[in-house]
């Protein structure tokens, strides 16, 4: 399922699922420190750095020095990043609708509940 989502996102929005997670986080929560991105998405610092650098090269995000801690970088969405986030949202909504049609509403609801419990365990 992740490969299918990744392929659709790359084809339609030009981003990976990992990049989409960063876009969604920034779109919903606003600018974030690199460390906060890693913590929220369970990524180690080198992974966040590589991911954000690739996204910056694509013009999706911009990195600036933190106003409160010059050692820390803050990441924010560009207009292009916001547009790509919207496109990715449509791709994933369509994928979810297809999955629900295939599974049926009851099984889709059960799957959602199980995945939510897995993701939020320990929170």
PDB file of N, CA and C in Angstrom:
ATOM      1  N   UNK A   1       0.817  -1.178   0.000  1.00  0.00           N
ATOM      2  CA  UNK A   1       0.000   0.000   0.000  1.00  0.00           C
ATOM      3  C   UNK A   1       0.874   1.261   0.000  1.00  0.00           C
ATOM      4  N   UNK A   2       1.953   1.247   0.777  1.00  0.00           N
ATOM      5  CA  UNK A   2       2.849   2.400   0.824  1.00  0.00           C
ATOM      6  C   UNK A   2       3.500   2.645  -0.536  1.00  0.00           C
ATOM      7  N   UNK A   3       3.874   1.550  -1.230  1.00  0.00           N
ATOM      8  CA  UNK A   3       4.478   1.714  -2.554  1.00  0.00           C
ATOM      9  C   UNK A   3       3.501   2.323  -3.542  1.00  0.00           C
ATOM     10  N   UNK A   4       2.230   1.891  -3.451  1.00  0.00           N
ATOM     11  CA  UNK A   4       1.200   2.437  -4.331  1.00  0.00           C
ATOM     12  C   UNK A   4       1.004   3.925  -4.049  1.00  0.00           C
ATOM     13  N   UNK A   5       0.914   4.282  -2.765  1.00  0.00           N
ATOM     14  CA  UNK A   5       0.762   5.689  -2.397  1.00  0.00           C
ATOM     15  C   UNK A   5       1.963   6.494  -2.880  1.00  0.00           C
ATOM     16  N   UNK A   6       3.170   5.954  -2.674  1.00  0.00           N
ATOM     17  CA  UNK A   6       4.378   6.646  -3.098  1.00  0.00           C
ATOM     18  C   UNK A   6       4.379   6.870  -4.608  1.00  0.00           C
ATOM     19  N   UNK A   7       4.017   5.841  -5.370  1.00  0.00           N
ATOM     20  CA  UNK A   7       3.997   5.955  -6.829  1.00  0.00           C
ATOM     21  C   UNK A   7       2.979   7.001  -7.286  1.00  0.00           C
ATOM     22  N   UNK A   8       1.806   6.986  -6.687  1.00  0.00           N
ATOM     23  CA  UNK A   8       0.773   7.956  -7.062  1.00  0.00           C
ATOM     24  C   UNK A   8       1.192   9.376  -6.695  1.00  0.00           C
ATOM     25  N   UNK A   9       1.779   9.529  -5.508  1.00  0.00           N
ATOM     26  CA  UNK A   9       2.218  10.855  -5.091  1.00  0.00           C
ATOM     27  C   UNK A   9       3.320  11.386  -6.009  1.00  0.00           C
ATOM     28  N   UNK A  10       4.271  10.523  -6.369  1.00  0.00           N
ATOM     29  CA  UNK A  10       5.351  10.956  -7.264  1.00  0.00           C
ATOM     30  C   UNK A  10       4.799  11.372  -8.624  1.00  0.00           C
ATOM     31  N   UNK A  11       3.858  10.560  -9.151  1.00  0.00           N
ATOM     32  CA  UNK A  11       3.309  10.833 -10.478  1.00  0.00           C
ATOM     33  C   UNK A  11       2.471  12.106 -10.500  1.00  0.00           C
ATOM     34  N   UNK A  12       1.629  12.280  -9.497  1.00  0.00           N
ATOM     35  CA  UNK A  12       0.675  13.387  -9.500  1.00  0.00           C
ATOM     36  C   UNK A  12       1.224  14.659  -8.866  1.00  0.00           C
ATOM     37  N   UNK A  13       1.892  14.514  -7.720  1.00  0.00           N
ATOM     38  CA  UNK A  13       2.332  15.701  -6.979  1.00  0.00           C
ATOM     39  C   UNK A  13       3.844  15.908  -7.022  1.00  0.00           C
ATOM     40  N   UNK A  14       4.590  14.885  -7.476  1.00  0.00           N
ATOM     41  CA  UNK A  14       6.039  15.020  -7.579  1.00  0.00           C
ATOM     42  C   UNK A  14       6.794  14.867  -6.278  1.00  0.00           C
ATOM     43  N   UNK A  15       6.160  14.247  -5.271  1.00  0.00           N
ATOM     44  CA  UNK A  15       6.798  14.077  -3.966  1.00  0.00           C
ATOM     45  C   UNK A  15       6.638  12.637  -3.475  1.00  0.00           C
ATOM     46  N   UNK A  16       7.448  12.279  -2.496  1.00  0.00           N
ATOM     47  CA  UNK A  16       7.365  10.964  -1.865  1.00  0.00           C
ATOM     48  C   UNK A  16       6.421  11.020  -0.665  1.00  0.00           C
ATOM     49  N   UNK A  17       6.125   9.864  -0.103  1.00  0.00           N
ATOM     50  CA  UNK A  17       5.285   9.838   1.095  1.00  0.00           C
ATOM     51  C   UNK A  17       5.992  10.538   2.254  1.00  0.00           C
ATOM     52  N   UNK A  18       7.297  10.379   2.369  1.00  0.00           N
ATOM     53  CA  UNK A  18       8.039  11.048   3.447  1.00  0.00           C
ATOM     54  C   UNK A  18       7.974  12.562   3.286  1.00  0.00           C
ATOM     55  N   UNK A  19       8.143  13.054   2.075  1.00  0.00           N
ATOM     56  CA  UNK A  19       8.049  14.488   1.826  1.00  0.00           C
ATOM     57  C   UNK A  19       6.632  14.982   2.096  1.00  0.00           C
ATOM     58  N   UNK A  20       5.645  14.156   1.752  1.00  0.00           N
ATOM     59  CA  UNK A  20       4.253  14.517   2.000  1.00  0.00           C
ATOM     60  C   UNK A  20       3.992  14.672   3.495  1.00  0.00           C
ATOM     61  N   UNK A  21       4.576  13.801   4.301  1.00  0.00           N
ATOM     62  CA  UNK A  21       4.390  13.903   5.752  1.00  0.00           C
ATOM     63  C   UNK A  21       4.902  15.243   6.270  1.00  0.00           C
ATOM     64  N   UNK A  22       6.042  15.687   5.764  1.00  0.00           N
ATOM     65  CA  UNK A  22       6.591  16.989   6.176  1.00  0.00           C
ATOM     66  C   UNK A  22       5.686  18.114   5.691  1.00  0.00           C
ATOM     67  N   UNK A  23       5.233  18.024   4.444  1.00  0.00           N
ATOM     68  CA  UNK A  23       4.344  19.058   3.909  1.00  0.00           C
ATOM     69  C   UNK A  23       3.073  19.169   4.744  1.00  0.00           C
ATOM     70  N   UNK A  24       2.459  18.025   5.066  1.00  0.00           N
ATOM     71  CA  UNK A  24       1.224  18.030   5.858  1.00  0.00           C
ATOM     72  C   UNK A  24       1.472  18.606   7.242  1.00  0.00           C
ATOM     73  N   UNK A  25       2.585  18.237   7.864  1.00  0.00           N
ATOM     74  CA  UNK A  25       2.912  18.756   9.189  1.00  0.00           C
ATOM     75  C   UNK A  25       3.027  20.273   9.160  1.00  0.00           C
ATOM     76  N   UNK A  26       3.772  20.796   8.199  1.00  0.00           N
ATOM     77  CA  UNK A  26       3.971  22.243   8.099  1.00  0.00           C
ATOM     78  C   UNK A  26       2.681  22.962   7.709  1.00  0.00           C
ATOM     79  N   UNK A  27       1.881  22.350   6.852  1.00  0.00           N
ATOM     80  CA  UNK A  27       0.625  22.973   6.442  1.00  0.00           C
ATOM     81  C   UNK A  27      -0.344  23.076   7.616  1.00  0.00           C
ATOM     82  N   UNK A  28      -0.331  22.074   8.475  1.00  0.00           N
ATOM     83  CA  UNK A  28      -1.283  22.061   9.585  1.00  0.00           C
ATOM     84  C   UNK A  28      -0.781  22.783  10.824  1.00  0.00           C
ATOM     85  N   UNK A  29       0.520  22.744  11.063  1.00  0.00           N
ATOM     86  CA  UNK A  29       1.064  23.283  12.315  1.00  0.00           C
ATOM     87  C   UNK A  29       1.911  24.543  12.131  1.00  0.00           C
ATOM     88  N   UNK A  30       2.220  24.898  10.900  1.00  0.00           N
ATOM     89  CA  UNK A  30       3.068  26.066  10.668  1.00  0.00           C
ATOM     90  C   UNK A  30       4.540  25.700  10.749  1.00  0.00           C
ATOM     91  N   UNK A  31       5.397  26.713  10.699  1.00  0.00           N
ATOM     92  CA  UNK A  31       6.841  26.464  10.693  1.00  0.00           C
ATOM     93  C   UNK A  31       7.250  25.635  11.903  1.00  0.00           C
ATOM     94  N   UNK A  32       8.294  24.820  11.687  1.00  0.00           N
ATOM     95  CA  UNK A  32       8.773  23.914  12.736  1.00  0.00           C
ATOM     96  C   UNK A  32      10.287  23.854  12.711  1.00  0.00           C
ATOM     97  N   UNK A  33      10.873  23.670  13.899  1.00  0.00           N
ATOM     98  CA  UNK A  33      12.311  23.417  13.974  1.00  0.00           C
ATOM     99  C   UNK A  33      12.588  22.036  13.402  1.00  0.00           C
ATOM    100  N   UNK A  34      13.786  21.870  12.867  1.00  0.00           N
ATOM    101  CA  UNK A  34      14.176  20.579  12.283  1.00  0.00           C
ATOM    102  C   UNK A  34      14.008  19.458  13.309  1.00  0.00           C
ATOM    103  N   UNK A  35      14.432  19.689  14.536  1.00  0.00           N
ATOM    104  CA  UNK A  35      14.318  18.672  15.575  1.00  0.00           C
ATOM    105  C   UNK A  35      12.882  18.285  15.855  1.00  0.00           C
ATOM    106  N   UNK A  36      11.980  19.261  15.808  1.00  0.00           N
ATOM    107  CA  UNK A  36      10.559  18.979  16.030  1.00  0.00           C
ATOM    108  C   UNK A  36       9.987  18.123  14.899  1.00  0.00           C
ATOM    109  N   UNK A  37      10.432  18.376  13.680  1.00  0.00           N
ATOM    110  CA  UNK A  37       9.989  17.564  12.550  1.00  0.00           C
ATOM    111  C   UNK A  37      10.409  16.115  12.772  1.00  0.00           C
ATOM    112  N   UNK A  38      11.669  15.931  13.145  1.00  0.00           N
ATOM    113  CA  UNK A  38      12.163  14.579  13.392  1.00  0.00           C
ATOM    114  C   UNK A  38      11.412  13.887  14.503  1.00  0.00           C
ATOM    115  N   UNK A  39      11.163  14.602  15.577  1.00  0.00           N
ATOM    116  CA  UNK A  39      10.450  14.012  16.713  1.00  0.00           C
ATOM    117  C   UNK A  39       9.023  13.628  16.328  1.00  0.00           C
ATOM    118  N   UNK A  40       8.330  14.512  15.643  1.00  0.00           N
ATOM    119  CA  UNK A  40       6.942  14.251  15.246  1.00  0.00           C
ATOM    120  C   UNK A  40       6.847  13.080  14.279  1.00  0.00           C
ATOM    121  N   UNK A  41       7.791  12.992  13.345  1.00  0.00           N
ATOM    122  CA  UNK A  41       7.734  11.958  12.308  1.00  0.00           C
ATOM    123  C   UNK A  41       8.604  10.741  12.628  1.00  0.00           C
ATOM    124  N   UNK A  42       9.189  10.726  13.821  1.00  0.00           N
ATOM    125  CA  UNK A  42      10.061   9.614  14.251  1.00  0.00           C
ATOM    126  C   UNK A  42      11.220   9.387  13.283  1.00  0.00           C
ATOM    127  N   UNK A  43      11.903  10.477  12.942  1.00  0.00           N
ATOM    128  CA  UNK A  43      13.065  10.413  12.048  1.00  0.00           C
ATOM    129  C   UNK A  43      14.293  10.908  12.801  1.00  0.00           C
ATOM    130  N   UNK A  44      15.447  10.302  12.508  1.00  0.00           N
ATOM    131  CA  UNK A  44      16.673  10.764  13.158  1.00  0.00           C
ATOM    132  C   UNK A  44      17.172  12.040  12.468  1.00  0.00           C
ATOM    133  N   UNK A  45      18.042  12.804  13.140  1.00  0.00           N
ATOM    134  CA  UNK A  45      18.492  14.087  12.578  1.00  0.00           C
ATOM    135  C   UNK A  45      19.074  14.012  11.166  1.00  0.00           C
ATOM    136  N   UNK A  46      19.940  13.034  10.840  1.00  0.00           N
ATOM    137  CA  UNK A  46      20.439  12.996   9.460  1.00  0.00           C
ATOM    138  C   UNK A  46      19.328  12.764   8.429  1.00  0.00           C
ATOM    139  N   UNK A  47      18.333  11.973   8.790  1.00  0.00           N
ATOM    140  CA  UNK A  47      17.219  11.726   7.865  1.00  0.00           C
ATOM    141  C   UNK A  47      16.422  13.004   7.633  1.00  0.00           C
ATOM    142  N   UNK A  48      16.176  13.763   8.694  1.00  0.00           N
ATOM    143  CA  UNK A  48      15.439  15.020   8.564  1.00  0.00           C
ATOM    144  C   UNK A  48      16.238  16.004   7.719  1.00  0.00           C
ATOM    145  N   UNK A  49      17.523  16.095   7.970  1.00  0.00           N
ATOM    146  CA  UNK A  49      18.371  17.021   7.210  1.00  0.00           C
ATOM    147  C   UNK A  49      18.326  16.693   5.726  1.00  0.00           C
ATOM    148  N   UNK A  50      18.510  15.431   5.371  1.00  0.00           N
ATOM    149  CA  UNK A  50      18.473  15.038   3.961  1.00  0.00           C
ATOM    150  C   UNK A  50      17.120  15.298   3.326  1.00  0.00           C
ATOM    151  N   UNK A  51      16.061  14.946   4.051  1.00  0.00           N
ATOM    152  CA  UNK A  51      14.706  15.133   3.553  1.00  0.00           C
ATOM    153  C   UNK A  51      14.408  16.609   3.319  1.00  0.00           C
ATOM    154  N   UNK A  52      14.697  17.434   4.301  1.00  0.00           N
ATOM    155  CA  UNK A  52      14.425  18.872   4.179  1.00  0.00           C
ATOM    156  C   UNK A  52      15.313  19.508   3.109  1.00  0.00           C
ATOM    157  N   UNK A  53      16.564  19.098   3.012  1.00  0.00           N
ATOM    158  CA  UNK A  53      17.442  19.648   1.966  1.00  0.00           C
ATOM    159  C   UNK A  53      16.910  19.333   0.575  1.00  0.00           C
ATOM    160  N   UNK A  54      16.432  18.100   0.371  1.00  0.00           N
ATOM    161  CA  UNK A  54      15.859  17.737  -0.934  1.00  0.00           C
ATOM    162  C   UNK A  54      14.600  18.558  -1.221  1.00  0.00           C
ATOM    163  N   UNK A  55      13.795  18.752  -0.190  1.00  0.00           N
ATOM    164  CA  UNK A  55      12.563  19.530  -0.360  1.00  0.00           C
ATOM    165  C   UNK A  55      12.869  21.005  -0.629  1.00  0.00           C
ATOM    166  N   UNK A  56      13.912  21.508   0.002  1.00  0.00           N
ATOM    167  CA  UNK A  56      14.313  22.892  -0.233  1.00  0.00           C
ATOM    168  C   UNK A  56      14.810  23.056  -1.672  1.00  0.00           C
ATOM    169  N   UNK A  57      15.555  22.076  -2.162  1.00  0.00           N
ATOM    170  CA  UNK A  57      16.050  22.127  -3.546  1.00  0.00           C
ATOM    171  C   UNK A  57      14.895  22.114  -4.549  1.00  0.00           C
ATOM    172  N   UNK A  58      13.775  21.491  -4.180  1.00  0.00           N
ATOM    173  CA  UNK A  58      12.590  21.450  -5.036  1.00  0.00           C
ATOM    174  C   UNK A  58      11.724  22.704  -4.891  1.00  0.00           C
ATOM    175  N   UNK A  59      12.095  23.578  -3.959  1.00  0.00           N
ATOM    176  CA  UNK A  59      11.334  24.801  -3.755  1.00  0.00           C
ATOM    177  C   UNK A  59      10.074  24.615  -2.928  1.00  0.00           C
ATOM    178  N   UNK A  60       9.991  23.503  -2.170  1.00  0.00           N
ATOM    179  CA  UNK A  60       8.794  23.208  -1.382  1.00  0.00           C
ATOM    180  C   UNK A  60       8.825  23.839   0.006  1.00  0.00           C
ATOM    181  N   UNK A  61      10.030  23.973   0.551  1.00  0.00           N
ATOM    182  CA  UNK A  61      10.207  24.543   1.887  1.00  0.00           C
ATOM    183  C   UNK A  61      11.391  25.496   1.856  1.00  0.00           C
ATOM    184  N   UNK A  62      11.468  26.307   2.893  1.00  0.00           N
ATOM    185  CA  UNK A  62      12.621  27.171   3.078  1.00  0.00           C
ATOM    186  C   UNK A  62      13.101  26.992   4.508  1.00  0.00           C
ATOM    187  N   UNK A  63      14.428  26.955   4.663  1.00  0.00           N
ATOM    188  CA  UNK A  63      15.065  26.825   5.978  1.00  0.00           C
ATOM    189  C   UNK A  63      15.656  28.168   6.355  1.00  0.00           C
ATOM    190  N   UNK A  64      15.387  28.588   7.591  1.00  0.00           N
ATOM    191  CA  UNK A  64      15.979  29.814   8.096  1.00  0.00           C
ATOM    192  C   UNK A  64      16.514  29.562   9.497  1.00  0.00           C
ATOM    193  N   UNK A  65      17.419  30.418   9.941  1.00  0.00           N
ATOM    194  CA  UNK A  65      17.938  30.297  11.303  1.00  0.00           C
ATOM    195  C   UNK A  65      16.832  30.690  12.277  1.00  0.00           C
ATOM    196  N   UNK A  66      16.755  29.974  13.363  1.00  0.00           N
ATOM    197  CA  UNK A  66      15.785  30.275  14.410  1.00  0.00           C
ATOM    198  C   UNK A  66      16.069  31.659  14.991  1.00  0.00           C
ATOM    199  N   UNK A  67      15.008  32.396  15.270  1.00  0.00           N
ATOM    200  CA  UNK A  67      15.166  33.728  15.872  1.00  0.00           C
ATOM    201  C   UNK A  67      15.603  33.620  17.326  1.00  0.00           C
ATOM    202  N   UNK A  68      15.282  32.489  17.965  1.00  0.00           N
ATOM    203  CA  UNK A  68      15.598  32.336  19.391  1.00  0.00           C
ATOM    204  C   UNK A  68      16.848  31.509  19.644  1.00  0.00           C
ATOM    205  N   UNK A  69      17.228  30.658  18.673  1.00  0.00           N
ATOM    206  CA  UNK A  69      18.401  29.800  18.841  1.00  0.00           C
ATOM    207  C   UNK A  69      19.097  29.687  17.488  1.00  0.00           C
ATOM    208  N   UNK A  70      20.148  30.463  17.301  1.00  0.00           N
ATOM    209  CA  UNK A  70      20.826  30.540  15.998  1.00  0.00           C
ATOM    210  C   UNK A  70      21.437  29.204  15.562  1.00  0.00           C
ATOM    211  N   UNK A  71      21.578  28.266  16.488  1.00  0.00           N
ATOM    212  CA  UNK A  71      22.107  26.935  16.117  1.00  0.00           C
ATOM    213  C   UNK A  71      21.043  26.056  15.478  1.00  0.00           C
ATOM    214  N   UNK A  72      19.797  26.472  15.590  1.00  0.00           N
ATOM    215  CA  UNK A  72      18.675  25.664  15.135  1.00  0.00           C
ATOM    216  C   UNK A  72      18.074  26.262  13.871  1.00  0.00           C
ATOM    217  N   UNK A  73      17.659  25.388  12.954  1.00  0.00           N
ATOM    218  CA  UNK A  73      17.003  25.830  11.720  1.00  0.00           C
ATOM    219  C   UNK A  73      15.494  25.631  11.841  1.00  0.00           C
ATOM    220  N   UNK A  74      14.764  26.563  11.262  1.00  0.00           N
ATOM    221  CA  UNK A  74      13.307  26.503  11.220  1.00  0.00           C
ATOM    222  C   UNK A  74      12.894  26.287   9.766  1.00  0.00           C
ATOM    223  N   UNK A  75      11.935  25.400   9.561  1.00  0.00           N
ATOM    224  CA  UNK A  75      11.479  25.051   8.216  1.00  0.00           C
ATOM    225  C   UNK A  75      10.053  25.552   8.041  1.00  0.00           C
ATOM    226  N   UNK A  76       9.792  26.189   6.905  1.00  0.00           N
ATOM    227  CA  UNK A  76       8.437  26.641   6.602  1.00  0.00           C
ATOM    228  C   UNK A  76       8.102  26.335   5.148  1.00  0.00           C
ATOM    229  N   UNK A  77       6.814  26.280   4.876  1.00  0.00           N
ATOM    230  CA  UNK A  77       6.332  25.990   3.523  1.00  0.00           C
ATOM    231  C   UNK A  77       6.477  27.204   2.614  1.00  0.00           C
ATOM    232  N   UNK A  78       6.751  26.934   1.366  1.00  0.00           N
ATOM    233  CA  UNK A  78       6.666  27.967   0.335  1.00  0.00           C
ATOM    234  C   UNK A  78       5.274  27.870  -0.277  1.00  0.00           C
ATOM    235  N   UNK A  79       4.937  28.808  -1.129  1.00  0.00           N
ATOM    236  CA  UNK A  79       3.648  28.725  -1.835  1.00  0.00           C
ATOM    237  C   UNK A  79       3.588  27.448  -2.675  1.00  0.00           C
ATOM    238  N   UNK A  80       4.713  27.113  -3.318  1.00  0.00           N
ATOM    239  CA  UNK A  80       4.754  25.875  -4.098  1.00  0.00           C
ATOM    240  C   UNK A  80       4.529  24.678  -3.180  1.00  0.00           C
ATOM    241  N   UNK A  81       5.140  24.685  -2.008  1.00  0.00           N
ATOM    242  CA  UNK A  81       4.960  23.596  -1.053  1.00  0.00           C
ATOM    243  C   UNK A  81       3.515  23.449  -0.621  1.00  0.00           C
ATOM    244  N   UNK A  82       2.852  24.572  -0.415  1.00  0.00           N
ATOM    245  CA  UNK A  82       1.439  24.535  -0.028  1.00  0.00           C
ATOM    246  C   UNK A  82       0.590  23.944  -1.159  1.00  0.00           C
ATOM    247  N   UNK A  83       0.873  24.342  -2.388  1.00  0.00           N
ATOM    248  CA  UNK A  83       0.128  23.811  -3.542  1.00  0.00           C
ATOM    249  C   UNK A  83       0.365  22.311  -3.703  1.00  0.00           C
ATOM    250  N   UNK A  84       1.605  21.873  -3.531  1.00  0.00           N
ATOM    251  CA  UNK A  84       1.927  20.449  -3.641  1.00  0.00           C
ATOM    252  C   UNK A  84       1.275  19.676  -2.497  1.00  0.00           C
ATOM    253  N   UNK A  85       1.230  20.265  -1.317  1.00  0.00           N
ATOM    254  CA  UNK A  85       0.551  19.639  -0.186  1.00  0.00           C
ATOM    255  C   UNK A  85      -0.926  19.410  -0.501  1.00  0.00           C
ATOM    256  N   UNK A  86      -1.558  20.395  -1.099  1.00  0.00           N
ATOM    257  CA  UNK A  86      -2.966  20.257  -1.486  1.00  0.00           C
ATOM    258  C   UNK A  86      -3.152  19.154  -2.523  1.00  0.00           C
ATOM    259  N   UNK A  87      -2.252  19.101  -3.506  1.00  0.00           N
ATOM    260  CA  UNK A  87      -2.332  18.060  -4.532  1.00  0.00           C
ATOM    261  C   UNK A  87      -2.138  16.673  -3.907  1.00  0.00           C
ATOM    262  N   UNK A  88      -1.179  16.558  -2.996  1.00  0.00           N
ATOM    263  CA  UNK A  88      -0.924  15.282  -2.325  1.00  0.00           C
ATOM    264  C   UNK A  88      -2.118  14.860  -1.479  1.00  0.00           C
ATOM    265  N   UNK A  89      -2.776  15.821  -0.856  1.00  0.00           N
ATOM    266  CA  UNK A  89      -3.964  15.530  -0.055  1.00  0.00           C
ATOM    267  C   UNK A  89      -5.048  14.894  -0.925  1.00  0.00           C
ATOM    268  N   UNK A  90      -5.247  15.425  -2.122  1.00  0.00           N
ATOM    269  CA  UNK A  90      -6.244  14.861  -3.040  1.00  0.00           C
ATOM    270  C   UNK A  90      -5.874  13.437  -3.449  1.00  0.00           C
ATOM    271  N   UNK A  91      -4.596  13.212  -3.724  1.00  0.00           N
ATOM    272  CA  UNK A  91      -4.140  11.866  -4.112  1.00  0.00           C
ATOM    273  C   UNK A  91      -4.452  10.869  -2.998  1.00  0.00           C
ATOM    274  N   UNK A  92      -4.118  11.226  -1.770  1.00  0.00           N
ATOM    275  CA  UNK A  92      -4.322  10.298  -0.654  1.00  0.00           C
ATOM    276  C   UNK A  92      -5.792  10.124  -0.315  1.00  0.00           C
ATOM    277  N   UNK A  93      -6.588  11.159  -0.478  1.00  0.00           N
ATOM    278  CA  UNK A  93      -8.029  11.016  -0.266  1.00  0.00           C
ATOM    279  C   UNK A  93      -8.620  10.040  -1.285  1.00  0.00           C
ATOM    280  N   UNK A  94      -8.215  10.167  -2.539  1.00  0.00           N
ATOM    281  CA  UNK A  94      -8.687   9.239  -3.572  1.00  0.00           C
ATOM    282  C   UNK A  94      -8.270   7.809  -3.255  1.00  0.00           C
ATOM    283  N   UNK A  95      -7.025   7.636  -2.798  1.00  0.00           N
ATOM    284  CA  UNK A  95      -6.541   6.309  -2.433  1.00  0.00           C
ATOM    285  C   UNK A  95      -7.356   5.728  -1.275  1.00  0.00           C
ATOM    286  N   UNK A  96      -7.664   6.556  -0.294  1.00  0.00           N
ATOM    287  CA  UNK A  96      -8.476   6.102   0.838  1.00  0.00           C
ATOM    288  C   UNK A  96      -9.881   5.703   0.401  1.00  0.00           C
ATOM    289  N   UNK A  97     -10.463   6.454  -0.530  1.00  0.00           N
ATOM    290  CA  UNK A  97     -11.787   6.104  -1.041  1.00  0.00           C
ATOM    291  C   UNK A  97     -11.751   4.762  -1.773  1.00  0.00           C
ATOM    292  N   UNK A  98     -10.704   4.536  -2.545  1.00  0.00           N
ATOM    293  CA  UNK A  98     -10.552   3.253  -3.238  1.00  0.00           C
ATOM    294  C   UNK A  98     -10.408   2.107  -2.244  1.00  0.00           C
ATOM    295  N   UNK A  99      -9.614   2.334  -1.220  1.00  0.00           N
ATOM    296  CA  UNK A  99      -9.406   1.314  -0.195  1.00  0.00           C
ATOM    297  C   UNK A  99     -10.713   1.007   0.527  1.00  0.00           C
ATOM    298  N   UNK A 100     -11.474   2.033   0.853  1.00  0.00           N
ATOM    299  CA  UNK A 100     -12.753   1.818   1.528  1.00  0.00           C
ATOM    300  C   UNK A 100     -13.725   1.059   0.624  1.00  0.00           C
ATOM    301  N   UNK A 101     -13.732   1.388  -0.662  1.00  0.00           N
ATOM    302  CA  UNK A 101     -14.609   0.678  -1.596  1.00  0.00           C
ATOM    303  C   UNK A 101     -14.215  -0.795  -1.697  1.00  0.00           C
ATOM    304  N   UNK A 102     -12.934  -1.068  -1.661  1.00  0.00           N
ATOM    305  CA  UNK A 102     -12.444  -2.443  -1.764  1.00  0.00           C
ATOM    306  C   UNK A 102     -12.728  -3.227  -0.484  1.00  0.00           C
ATOM    307  N   UNK A 103     -12.475  -2.613   0.674  1.00  0.00           N
ATOM    308  CA  UNK A 103     -12.659  -3.294   1.957  1.00  0.00           C
ATOM    309  C   UNK A 103     -14.102  -3.304   2.431  1.00  0.00           C
ATOM    310  N   UNK A 104     -14.838  -2.292   2.084  1.00  0.00           N
ATOM    311  CA  UNK A 104     -16.161  -2.085   2.662  1.00  0.00           C
ATOM    312  C   UNK A 104     -16.013  -1.173   3.877  1.00  0.00           C
ATOM    313  N   UNK A 105     -17.102  -0.508   4.210  1.00  0.00           N
ATOM    314  CA  UNK A 105     -17.060   0.494   5.273  1.00  0.00           C
ATOM    315  C   UNK A 105     -16.660  -0.097   6.622  1.00  0.00           C
ATOM    316  N   UNK A 106     -17.249  -1.232   6.999  1.00  0.00           N
ATOM    317  CA  UNK A 106     -16.961  -1.815   8.317  1.00  0.00           C
ATOM    318  C   UNK A 106     -15.489  -2.191   8.460  1.00  0.00           C
ATOM    319  N   UNK A 107     -14.948  -2.904   7.466  1.00  0.00           N
ATOM    320  CA  UNK A 107     -13.532  -3.302   7.543  1.00  0.00           C
ATOM    321  C   UNK A 107     -12.607  -2.091   7.460  1.00  0.00           C
ATOM    322  N   UNK A 108     -12.977  -1.097   6.661  1.00  0.00           N
ATOM    323  CA  UNK A 108     -12.166   0.123   6.577  1.00  0.00           C
ATOM    324  C   UNK A 108     -12.149   0.838   7.922  1.00  0.00           C
ATOM    325  N   UNK A 109     -13.292   0.883   8.592  1.00  0.00           N
ATOM    326  CA  UNK A 109     -13.344   1.503   9.922  1.00  0.00           C
ATOM    327  C   UNK A 109     -12.500   0.729  10.929  1.00  0.00           C
ATOM    328  N   UNK A 110     -12.564  -0.593  10.876  1.00  0.00           N
ATOM    329  CA  UNK A 110     -11.739  -1.419  11.771  1.00  0.00           C
ATOM    330  C   UNK A 110     -10.256  -1.199  11.506  1.00  0.00           C
ATOM    331  N   UNK A 111      -9.882  -1.170  10.238  1.00  0.00           N
ATOM    332  CA  UNK A 111      -8.486  -0.932   9.879  1.00  0.00           C
ATOM    333  C   UNK A 111      -8.028   0.436  10.394  1.00  0.00           C
ATOM    334  N   UNK A 112      -8.843   1.439  10.222  1.00  0.00           N
ATOM    335  CA  UNK A 112      -8.510   2.781  10.720  1.00  0.00           C
ATOM    336  C   UNK A 112      -8.287   2.753  12.222  1.00  0.00           C
ATOM    337  N   UNK A 113      -9.192   2.083  12.937  1.00  0.00           N
ATOM    338  CA  UNK A 113      -9.066   2.002  14.397  1.00  0.00           C
ATOM    339  C   UNK A 113      -7.774   1.301  14.810  1.00  0.00           C
ATOM    340  N   UNK A 114      -7.458   0.212  14.151  1.00  0.00           N
ATOM    341  CA  UNK A 114      -6.245  -0.546  14.475  1.00  0.00           C
ATOM    342  C   UNK A 114      -4.997   0.287  14.187  1.00  0.00           C
ATOM    343  N   UNK A 115      -4.953   0.903  13.028  1.00  0.00           N
ATOM    344  CA  UNK A 115      -3.785   1.716  12.670  1.00  0.00           C
ATOM    345  C   UNK A 115      -3.639   2.914  13.602  1.00  0.00           C
ATOM    346  N   UNK A 116      -4.745   3.507  13.987  1.00  0.00           N
ATOM    347  CA  UNK A 116      -4.690   4.631  14.923  1.00  0.00           C
ATOM    348  C   UNK A 116      -4.137   4.182  16.267  1.00  0.00           C
ATOM    349  N   UNK A 117      -4.564   3.024  16.745  1.00  0.00           N
ATOM    350  CA  UNK A 117      -4.031   2.508  18.012  1.00  0.00           C
ATOM    351  C   UNK A 117      -2.544   2.231  17.905  1.00  0.00           C
ATOM    352  N   UNK A 118      -2.112   1.689  16.771  1.00  0.00           N
ATOM    353  CA  UNK A 118      -0.683   1.406  16.589  1.00  0.00           C
ATOM    354  C   UNK A 118       0.142   2.686  16.592  1.00  0.00           C
ATOM    355  N   UNK A 119      -0.344   3.689  15.894  1.00  0.00           N
ATOM    356  CA  UNK A 119       0.396   4.947  15.765  1.00  0.00           C
ATOM    357  C   UNK A 119       0.431   5.713  17.080  1.00  0.00           C
ATOM    358  N   UNK A 120      -0.650   5.656  17.837  1.00  0.00           N
ATOM    359  CA  UNK A 120      -0.732   6.463  19.053  1.00  0.00           C
ATOM    360  C   UNK A 120      -0.378   5.705  20.320  1.00  0.00           C
ATOM    361  N   UNK A 121       0.059   4.462  20.198  1.00  0.00           N
ATOM    362  CA  UNK A 121       0.410   3.709  21.410  1.00  0.00           C
ATOM    363  C   UNK A 121       1.547   4.428  22.139  1.00  0.00           C
ATOM    364  N   UNK A 122       1.396   4.510  23.413  1.00  0.00           N
ATOM    365  CA  UNK A 122       2.416   5.168  24.216  1.00  0.00           C
ATOM    366  C   UNK A 122       2.263   6.669  24.296  1.00  0.00           C
ATOM    367  N   UNK A 123       1.342   7.244  23.527  1.00  0.00           N
ATOM    368  CA  UNK A 123       1.122   8.703  23.587  1.00  0.00           C
ATOM    369  C   UNK A 123       0.215   9.053  24.736  1.00  0.00           C
TER     370      UNK A 123
END
